[in-house]
């Protein structure tokens, strides 16, 4: 099953839409609750990152019998130092984003912690691609 969601940068009212839809589908498919929780946390964090930092983005979800693969691509400023961005508490979020309760610098670390496979690539001035996989038969 393949799903695609478009994300508009700055539209926090829609942040979480894709993760909510994926959660409903995974419940219908009978995926273990603990696994669903990890997938939804990672996907929600990725959505918020696109909304907070990019102009626009796309989430592509591929649900297979034993796993879910997700690719999040965005058009935005990119990440100049991925190693630094992966440190808990590091954030480049604007003051406005922080005032809304986002931008604590836990997004990328939470994504990595809640996925079985994690791959992040970014080109400064162009955008970022995050690919993550969760296996259904493993407790995440």
N, C-alpha and C. Protein backbone atom coordinates (compact mmCIF):
# COMPACT_ATOMS: atom_id res chain seq x y z
N UNK A 1 0.85 -1.17 0.00
CA UNK A 1 0.00 0.00 0.00
C UNK A 1 0.90 1.24 0.00
N UNK A 2 0.60 2.15 -0.91
CA UNK A 2 1.38 3.37 -1.01
C UNK A 2 0.50 4.58 -0.73
N UNK A 3 1.03 5.49 0.08
CA UNK A 3 0.32 6.72 0.44
C UNK A 3 1.25 7.90 0.22
N UNK A 4 0.68 9.04 -0.15
CA UNK A 4 1.46 10.27 -0.33
C UNK A 4 0.72 11.41 0.35
N UNK A 5 1.49 12.21 1.08
CA UNK A 5 0.95 13.38 1.76
C UNK A 5 1.82 14.58 1.42
N UNK A 6 1.20 15.70 1.11
CA UNK A 6 1.93 16.94 0.87
C UNK A 6 1.90 17.78 2.14
N UNK A 7 3.00 18.46 2.40
CA UNK A 7 3.11 19.28 3.60
C UNK A 7 3.44 20.71 3.18
N UNK A 8 2.74 21.65 3.78
CA UNK A 8 3.00 23.06 3.52
C UNK A 8 3.80 23.63 4.68
N UNK A 9 4.95 24.21 4.38
CA UNK A 9 5.77 24.82 5.41
C UNK A 9 4.99 25.90 6.16
N UNK A 10 5.15 25.93 7.47
CA UNK A 10 4.50 26.94 8.29
C UNK A 10 3.07 26.64 8.69
N UNK A 11 2.46 25.59 8.13
CA UNK A 11 1.06 25.28 8.43
C UNK A 11 0.98 24.26 9.58
N UNK A 12 1.10 24.77 10.80
CA UNK A 12 1.09 23.88 11.97
C UNK A 12 -0.28 23.25 12.22
N UNK A 13 -1.34 23.79 11.62
CA UNK A 13 -2.66 23.20 11.81
C UNK A 13 -2.75 21.82 11.16
N UNK A 14 -1.93 21.57 10.16
CA UNK A 14 -1.95 20.27 9.47
C UNK A 14 -0.87 19.32 9.95
N UNK A 15 0.05 19.81 10.79
CA UNK A 15 1.11 18.93 11.30
C UNK A 15 0.48 17.79 12.09
N UNK A 16 0.80 16.58 11.73
CA UNK A 16 0.23 15.42 12.38
C UNK A 16 -0.84 14.71 11.56
N UNK A 17 -1.26 15.32 10.46
CA UNK A 17 -2.29 14.70 9.62
C UNK A 17 -1.81 13.35 9.07
N UNK A 18 -0.63 13.34 8.48
CA UNK A 18 -0.13 12.10 7.87
C UNK A 18 0.06 11.01 8.93
N UNK A 19 0.66 11.38 10.07
CA UNK A 19 0.90 10.37 11.10
C UNK A 19 -0.42 9.82 11.64
N UNK A 20 -1.44 10.64 11.75
CA UNK A 20 -2.76 10.17 12.20
C UNK A 20 -3.37 9.20 11.20
N UNK A 21 -3.27 9.52 9.92
CA UNK A 21 -3.81 8.63 8.89
C UNK A 21 -3.08 7.29 8.86
N UNK A 22 -1.75 7.34 8.96
CA UNK A 22 -0.95 6.11 8.96
C UNK A 22 -1.30 5.27 10.19
N UNK A 23 -1.47 5.91 11.32
CA UNK A 23 -1.83 5.19 12.56
C UNK A 23 -3.14 4.42 12.37
N UNK A 24 -4.14 5.07 11.79
CA UNK A 24 -5.44 4.41 11.56
C UNK A 24 -5.27 3.17 10.69
N UNK A 25 -4.51 3.31 9.62
CA UNK A 25 -4.31 2.20 8.69
C UNK A 25 -3.58 1.05 9.37
N UNK A 26 -2.51 1.37 10.11
CA UNK A 26 -1.74 0.31 10.77
C UNK A 26 -2.58 -0.43 11.81
N UNK A 27 -3.46 0.30 12.51
CA UNK A 27 -4.37 -0.36 13.46
C UNK A 27 -5.30 -1.32 12.73
N UNK A 28 -5.83 -0.87 11.58
CA UNK A 28 -6.72 -1.73 10.79
C UNK A 28 -6.00 -2.97 10.29
N UNK A 29 -4.70 -2.85 10.03
CA UNK A 29 -3.91 -3.98 9.55
C UNK A 29 -3.47 -4.90 10.68
N UNK A 30 -3.73 -4.51 11.91
CA UNK A 30 -3.40 -5.36 13.05
C UNK A 30 -1.95 -5.30 13.47
N UNK A 31 -1.26 -4.22 13.15
CA UNK A 31 0.14 -4.07 13.57
C UNK A 31 0.18 -3.87 15.09
N UNK A 32 1.17 -4.44 15.72
CA UNK A 32 1.34 -4.36 17.17
C UNK A 32 1.35 -2.90 17.65
N UNK A 33 0.64 -2.62 18.74
CA UNK A 33 0.48 -1.25 19.25
C UNK A 33 1.82 -0.58 19.55
N UNK A 34 2.75 -1.32 20.13
CA UNK A 34 4.06 -0.74 20.45
C UNK A 34 4.79 -0.30 19.18
N UNK A 35 4.67 -1.08 18.15
CA UNK A 35 5.29 -0.75 16.86
C UNK A 35 4.62 0.48 16.25
N UNK A 36 3.30 0.52 16.30
CA UNK A 36 2.57 1.68 15.78
C UNK A 36 3.02 2.94 16.49
N UNK A 37 3.15 2.86 17.80
CA UNK A 37 3.56 4.03 18.59
C UNK A 37 4.90 4.58 18.10
N UNK A 38 5.87 3.72 17.89
CA UNK A 38 7.19 4.16 17.41
C UNK A 38 7.09 4.80 16.03
N UNK A 39 6.33 4.18 15.15
CA UNK A 39 6.17 4.70 13.79
C UNK A 39 5.53 6.08 13.82
N UNK A 40 4.48 6.23 14.61
CA UNK A 40 3.74 7.49 14.67
C UNK A 40 4.60 8.60 15.29
N UNK A 41 5.36 8.27 16.32
CA UNK A 41 6.25 9.28 16.92
C UNK A 41 7.24 9.78 15.88
N UNK A 42 7.90 8.86 15.19
CA UNK A 42 8.90 9.24 14.20
C UNK A 42 8.28 10.05 13.06
N UNK A 43 7.14 9.62 12.57
CA UNK A 43 6.50 10.31 11.46
C UNK A 43 6.00 11.69 11.88
N UNK A 44 5.44 11.80 13.06
CA UNK A 44 4.97 13.10 13.55
C UNK A 44 6.15 14.08 13.68
N UNK A 45 7.24 13.62 14.26
CA UNK A 45 8.43 14.48 14.40
C UNK A 45 8.92 14.95 13.04
N UNK A 46 8.91 14.05 12.06
CA UNK A 46 9.35 14.41 10.71
C UNK A 46 8.42 15.44 10.09
N UNK A 47 7.12 15.25 10.27
CA UNK A 47 6.15 16.22 9.76
C UNK A 47 6.39 17.60 10.35
N UNK A 48 6.55 17.65 11.66
CA UNK A 48 6.76 18.93 12.33
C UNK A 48 8.05 19.59 11.84
N UNK A 49 9.08 18.80 11.63
CA UNK A 49 10.33 19.37 11.12
C UNK A 49 10.12 20.04 9.76
N UNK A 50 9.37 19.41 8.89
CA UNK A 50 9.11 20.01 7.57
C UNK A 50 8.30 21.29 7.74
N UNK A 51 7.25 21.24 8.54
CA UNK A 51 6.42 22.43 8.76
C UNK A 51 7.24 23.57 9.35
N UNK A 52 8.10 23.25 10.30
CA UNK A 52 8.87 24.28 11.01
C UNK A 52 10.02 24.85 10.21
N UNK A 53 10.62 24.06 9.33
CA UNK A 53 11.88 24.47 8.71
C UNK A 53 11.84 24.64 7.19
N UNK A 54 10.90 24.02 6.50
CA UNK A 54 10.94 23.99 5.04
C UNK A 54 9.79 24.80 4.43
N UNK A 55 9.91 25.02 3.13
CA UNK A 55 8.85 25.71 2.39
C UNK A 55 7.70 24.76 2.08
N UNK A 56 8.08 23.53 1.73
CA UNK A 56 7.09 22.50 1.42
C UNK A 56 7.77 21.14 1.48
N UNK A 57 6.95 20.11 1.55
CA UNK A 57 7.51 18.77 1.60
C UNK A 57 6.50 17.73 1.18
N UNK A 58 7.00 16.50 1.11
CA UNK A 58 6.16 15.37 0.72
C UNK A 58 6.55 14.17 1.56
N UNK A 59 5.53 13.41 1.97
CA UNK A 59 5.74 12.16 2.69
C UNK A 59 5.23 11.04 1.80
N UNK A 60 6.09 10.07 1.55
CA UNK A 60 5.70 8.89 0.78
C UNK A 60 5.83 7.68 1.69
N UNK A 61 4.74 6.95 1.83
CA UNK A 61 4.68 5.81 2.74
C UNK A 61 4.44 4.55 1.93
N UNK A 62 5.22 3.52 2.21
CA UNK A 62 5.08 2.23 1.56
C UNK A 62 4.89 1.18 2.66
N UNK A 63 3.67 0.66 2.78
CA UNK A 63 3.38 -0.35 3.79
C UNK A 63 3.43 -1.71 3.13
N UNK A 64 4.34 -2.55 3.63
CA UNK A 64 4.49 -3.91 3.12
C UNK A 64 4.02 -4.89 4.19
N UNK A 65 4.12 -6.18 3.91
CA UNK A 65 3.66 -7.18 4.87
C UNK A 65 4.42 -7.13 6.19
N UNK A 66 5.72 -6.86 6.12
CA UNK A 66 6.56 -6.95 7.32
C UNK A 66 7.17 -5.63 7.78
N UNK A 67 6.89 -4.54 7.04
CA UNK A 67 7.53 -3.27 7.40
C UNK A 67 6.81 -2.09 6.77
N UNK A 68 7.18 -0.92 7.26
CA UNK A 68 6.73 0.34 6.68
C UNK A 68 7.98 1.15 6.36
N UNK A 69 8.03 1.62 5.12
CA UNK A 69 9.13 2.48 4.68
C UNK A 69 8.55 3.85 4.39
N UNK A 70 9.21 4.87 4.91
CA UNK A 70 8.73 6.23 4.73
C UNK A 70 9.86 7.11 4.23
N UNK A 71 9.55 7.94 3.24
CA UNK A 71 10.50 8.92 2.73
C UNK A 71 9.87 10.30 2.87
N UNK A 72 10.58 11.19 3.53
CA UNK A 72 10.12 12.56 3.70
C UNK A 72 11.12 13.45 2.97
N UNK A 73 10.65 14.16 1.97
CA UNK A 73 11.53 15.07 1.23
C UNK A 73 10.98 16.48 1.37
N UNK A 74 11.89 17.43 1.48
CA UNK A 74 11.43 18.81 1.57
C UNK A 74 12.28 19.73 0.72
N UNK A 75 11.68 20.87 0.41
CA UNK A 75 12.39 21.97 -0.24
C UNK A 75 12.54 23.03 0.84
N UNK A 76 13.77 23.31 1.18
CA UNK A 76 14.01 24.25 2.26
C UNK A 76 15.48 24.58 2.37
N UNK A 77 15.87 25.09 3.53
CA UNK A 77 17.24 25.56 3.70
C UNK A 77 18.27 24.44 3.80
N UNK A 78 17.83 23.23 4.06
CA UNK A 78 18.77 22.13 4.24
C UNK A 78 19.41 22.19 5.61
N UNK A 79 20.19 21.17 5.91
CA UNK A 79 20.86 21.06 7.21
C UNK A 79 22.37 21.14 6.97
N UNK A 80 23.01 22.22 7.42
CA UNK A 80 24.44 22.37 7.17
C UNK A 80 25.32 21.34 7.88
N UNK A 81 24.93 20.91 9.08
CA UNK A 81 25.75 19.98 9.86
C UNK A 81 24.82 18.93 10.47
N UNK A 82 24.69 17.80 9.80
CA UNK A 82 23.76 16.75 10.25
C UNK A 82 24.17 16.21 11.60
N UNK A 83 25.48 16.02 11.84
CA UNK A 83 25.93 15.51 13.14
C UNK A 83 25.48 16.44 14.27
N UNK A 84 25.60 17.74 14.08
CA UNK A 84 25.17 18.70 15.08
C UNK A 84 23.65 18.67 15.24
N UNK A 85 22.93 18.57 14.12
CA UNK A 85 21.46 18.53 14.16
C UNK A 85 20.94 17.30 14.89
N UNK A 86 21.74 16.24 14.93
CA UNK A 86 21.33 15.00 15.60
C UNK A 86 21.54 15.06 17.11
N UNK A 87 22.19 16.08 17.62
CA UNK A 87 22.42 16.19 19.06
C UNK A 87 21.15 16.67 19.76
N UNK A 88 20.78 15.97 20.81
CA UNK A 88 19.59 16.35 21.58
C UNK A 88 19.73 17.77 22.09
N UNK A 89 18.71 18.56 21.86
CA UNK A 89 18.68 19.94 22.34
C UNK A 89 19.16 20.96 21.32
N UNK A 90 19.81 20.52 20.24
CA UNK A 90 20.25 21.47 19.22
C UNK A 90 19.06 21.81 18.33
N UNK A 91 18.84 23.10 18.10
CA UNK A 91 17.70 23.52 17.29
C UNK A 91 18.03 24.79 16.52
N UNK A 92 17.51 24.86 15.31
CA UNK A 92 17.60 26.09 14.52
C UNK A 92 16.21 26.70 14.34
N UNK A 93 15.25 26.23 15.14
CA UNK A 93 13.88 26.73 15.04
C UNK A 93 13.82 28.22 15.35
N UNK A 94 12.93 28.90 14.67
CA UNK A 94 12.74 30.33 14.89
C UNK A 94 12.08 30.58 16.24
N UNK A 95 12.15 31.81 16.69
CA UNK A 95 11.51 32.20 17.95
C UNK A 95 10.01 31.92 17.89
N UNK A 96 9.40 32.20 16.74
CA UNK A 96 7.96 31.97 16.56
C UNK A 96 7.62 30.49 16.74
N UNK A 97 8.42 29.62 16.14
CA UNK A 97 8.19 28.17 16.25
C UNK A 97 8.34 27.73 17.70
N UNK A 98 9.35 28.24 18.38
CA UNK A 98 9.56 27.87 19.79
C UNK A 98 8.41 28.35 20.67
N UNK A 99 7.89 29.53 20.37
CA UNK A 99 6.77 30.06 21.15
C UNK A 99 5.52 29.21 21.00
N UNK A 100 5.42 28.47 19.90
CA UNK A 100 4.28 27.57 19.69
C UNK A 100 4.49 26.22 20.39
N UNK A 101 5.65 26.05 21.01
CA UNK A 101 5.92 24.81 21.73
C UNK A 101 6.70 23.78 20.95
N UNK A 102 7.22 24.16 19.81
CA UNK A 102 8.02 23.25 18.98
C UNK A 102 9.48 23.73 19.00
N UNK A 103 10.37 22.98 18.38
CA UNK A 103 11.74 23.43 18.22
C UNK A 103 12.64 23.21 19.41
N UNK A 104 12.38 22.17 20.18
CA UNK A 104 13.20 21.88 21.36
C UNK A 104 14.48 21.12 21.02
N UNK A 105 14.64 20.76 19.75
CA UNK A 105 15.85 20.04 19.36
C UNK A 105 15.80 18.55 19.64
N UNK A 106 14.62 18.00 19.75
CA UNK A 106 14.48 16.57 20.02
C UNK A 106 13.93 15.79 18.83
N UNK A 107 13.53 16.49 17.76
CA UNK A 107 12.90 15.84 16.62
C UNK A 107 13.74 14.76 15.98
N UNK A 108 14.91 15.11 15.47
CA UNK A 108 15.74 14.12 14.79
C UNK A 108 16.20 13.01 15.74
N UNK A 109 16.65 13.32 16.96
CA UNK A 109 17.00 12.22 17.87
C UNK A 109 15.81 11.29 18.16
N UNK A 110 14.61 11.85 18.30
CA UNK A 110 13.42 11.01 18.53
C UNK A 110 13.11 10.15 17.32
N UNK A 111 13.30 10.70 16.14
CA UNK A 111 13.06 9.91 14.93
C UNK A 111 14.02 8.73 14.89
N UNK A 112 15.30 9.01 15.09
CA UNK A 112 16.31 7.94 15.05
C UNK A 112 16.00 6.87 16.11
N UNK A 113 15.63 7.30 17.30
CA UNK A 113 15.35 6.39 18.41
C UNK A 113 14.14 5.49 18.12
N UNK A 114 13.21 5.97 17.31
CA UNK A 114 11.96 5.24 17.07
C UNK A 114 11.89 4.56 15.70
N UNK A 115 13.02 4.42 15.04
CA UNK A 115 13.05 3.72 13.75
C UNK A 115 14.08 2.60 13.78
N UNK A 116 13.86 1.61 12.94
CA UNK A 116 14.82 0.52 12.82
C UNK A 116 15.93 0.89 11.83
N UNK A 117 15.58 1.63 10.80
CA UNK A 117 16.57 2.11 9.83
C UNK A 117 16.32 3.60 9.62
N UNK A 118 17.40 4.38 9.60
CA UNK A 118 17.31 5.84 9.54
C UNK A 118 18.40 6.35 8.61
N UNK A 119 18.02 7.14 7.61
CA UNK A 119 19.00 7.71 6.69
C UNK A 119 18.60 9.16 6.40
N UNK A 120 19.49 10.09 6.70
CA UNK A 120 19.22 11.51 6.54
C UNK A 120 20.26 12.12 5.62
N UNK A 121 19.79 12.77 4.56
CA UNK A 121 20.68 13.46 3.63
C UNK A 121 20.14 14.87 3.41
N UNK A 122 21.04 15.83 3.25
CA UNK A 122 20.59 17.20 3.08
C UNK A 122 21.58 17.98 2.23
N UNK A 123 21.03 18.87 1.42
CA UNK A 123 21.85 19.78 0.61
C UNK A 123 21.45 21.20 0.99
N UNK A 124 22.42 21.94 1.51
CA UNK A 124 22.15 23.31 1.94
C UNK A 124 21.61 24.12 0.77
N UNK A 125 20.53 24.84 1.01
CA UNK A 125 19.91 25.67 -0.01
C UNK A 125 18.93 24.94 -0.91
N UNK A 126 18.83 23.62 -0.75
CA UNK A 126 17.90 22.84 -1.59
C UNK A 126 16.87 22.07 -0.78
N UNK A 127 17.33 21.33 0.20
CA UNK A 127 16.36 20.57 0.99
C UNK A 127 16.95 19.34 1.63
N UNK A 128 16.06 18.55 2.22
CA UNK A 128 16.45 17.40 3.03
C UNK A 128 15.60 16.20 2.65
N UNK A 129 16.22 15.02 2.70
CA UNK A 129 15.51 13.76 2.51
C UNK A 129 15.79 12.86 3.70
N UNK A 130 14.71 12.39 4.30
CA UNK A 130 14.80 11.45 5.42
C UNK A 130 14.11 10.17 5.00
N UNK A 131 14.82 9.06 5.13
CA UNK A 131 14.22 7.75 4.85
C UNK A 131 14.28 6.94 6.13
N UNK A 132 13.14 6.36 6.49
CA UNK A 132 13.10 5.55 7.70
C UNK A 132 12.27 4.30 7.45
N UNK A 133 12.66 3.25 8.15
CA UNK A 133 11.98 1.96 8.04
C UNK A 133 11.71 1.42 9.44
N UNK A 134 10.53 0.87 9.62
CA UNK A 134 10.19 0.13 10.84
C UNK A 134 9.70 -1.24 10.43
N UNK A 135 10.22 -2.27 11.09
CA UNK A 135 9.80 -3.64 10.84
C UNK A 135 8.69 -4.00 11.83
N UNK A 136 7.65 -4.66 11.34
CA UNK A 136 6.50 -5.00 12.18
C UNK A 136 6.80 -6.14 13.12
N UNK A 137 7.68 -7.03 12.76
CA UNK A 137 7.94 -8.20 13.58
C UNK A 137 8.97 -7.95 14.67
N UNK A 138 9.46 -6.73 14.78
CA UNK A 138 10.43 -6.40 15.82
C UNK A 138 9.83 -5.34 16.70
N UNK A 139 10.06 -5.44 17.98
CA UNK A 139 9.61 -4.39 18.90
C UNK A 139 10.58 -3.24 18.80
N UNK A 140 10.05 -2.07 18.51
CA UNK A 140 10.91 -0.91 18.35
C UNK A 140 11.11 -0.20 19.66
